[in-house]
Amino acid sequence: MSDQEQARRLCRDLGGPEVDLWTLPTRALQRAESTGRSLREAALDVVSGWLATRAVEGKKGAKDQLTELWHAEVLRWCVWNTRSSVDAEDVAHDVLIRALGRLDRLTRPDGFRAWLWAITWRVLREHERRPWRKRWLLDGKDRDEGSPGDESGLEHQLAPDAGIEGRQRLGLVHDVLQALPLRERTLLWHAYVDGRTRRQIAEVTGLPEGTVNRQLTRARKRFRKEAERRGLQPGATPKRVNA
């Protein structure tokens, strides 16, 4: 098989039946030669840029294709940098949400990989400074089994020397969780107390993984809003407020 034929096959496999086979294979070959990347990596770069352009133009399915192409790679980057599959899932989700919302800022479509990595790095730094579980639960090292609404599992998320203040915080976190709708409470529990990945949550709940991602994002926002209404701030001593 010639290089041109191989490039055409790779572009078709990566971009689907509507992919531009007139220009992308040639650009992939040129990129492979100029950057020293493998032909597959070069094809992924040019197809990703093509999909990003289509997404900005409002083409249906383009964002989903980009997510499918890059989720595993972004997750691999995140696992390598966080050394935690749970935190990595969070970061990867946030990276893709942010990237898909900013595709109109991509000035060089063939440079999608570098642009995505820059976003990944920024999000990793943000999560490193303020991981969700450590913000709301004083210690996230140990994860014991429990069930949504069962305070015993949440109890073990505190450091052994948390003391009275830590117990008070635990009670407030528990109250905030109880104030949320059952589905959102369950998703937060699975993700941040049981430490399940998005895929595991999807298997346990029977929801599509994409639905889990969207609803978990919404649950975190609702948790924060309810927590702040009750005077509970990330990593701060709770204030007394009327519920």
Foldseek 3Di string as FASTA:
>chain_A
DDQLVVLLVLLCVLQPPVGPSPPLSVQLVVCCVVPVDDSNLSSLLSSQLVLLVCVVVVNPPSLVSNCVSCLVVQLVVQCVVPVASLVSLVLSLVLSVVCSVCSVVPPDSSCVVVVSVVSSVVSSVVCVVPPPLCQQQVAQPDADDDAQLGLVLVVVRHDPVCPPQNVVSSVLLSVLLVPDPPVQSRLCCVRRRNNDHLVVVCVVVVHPSVVSSVSPVVSVVSSQVSCVQCQHGGPDRRDHDDD
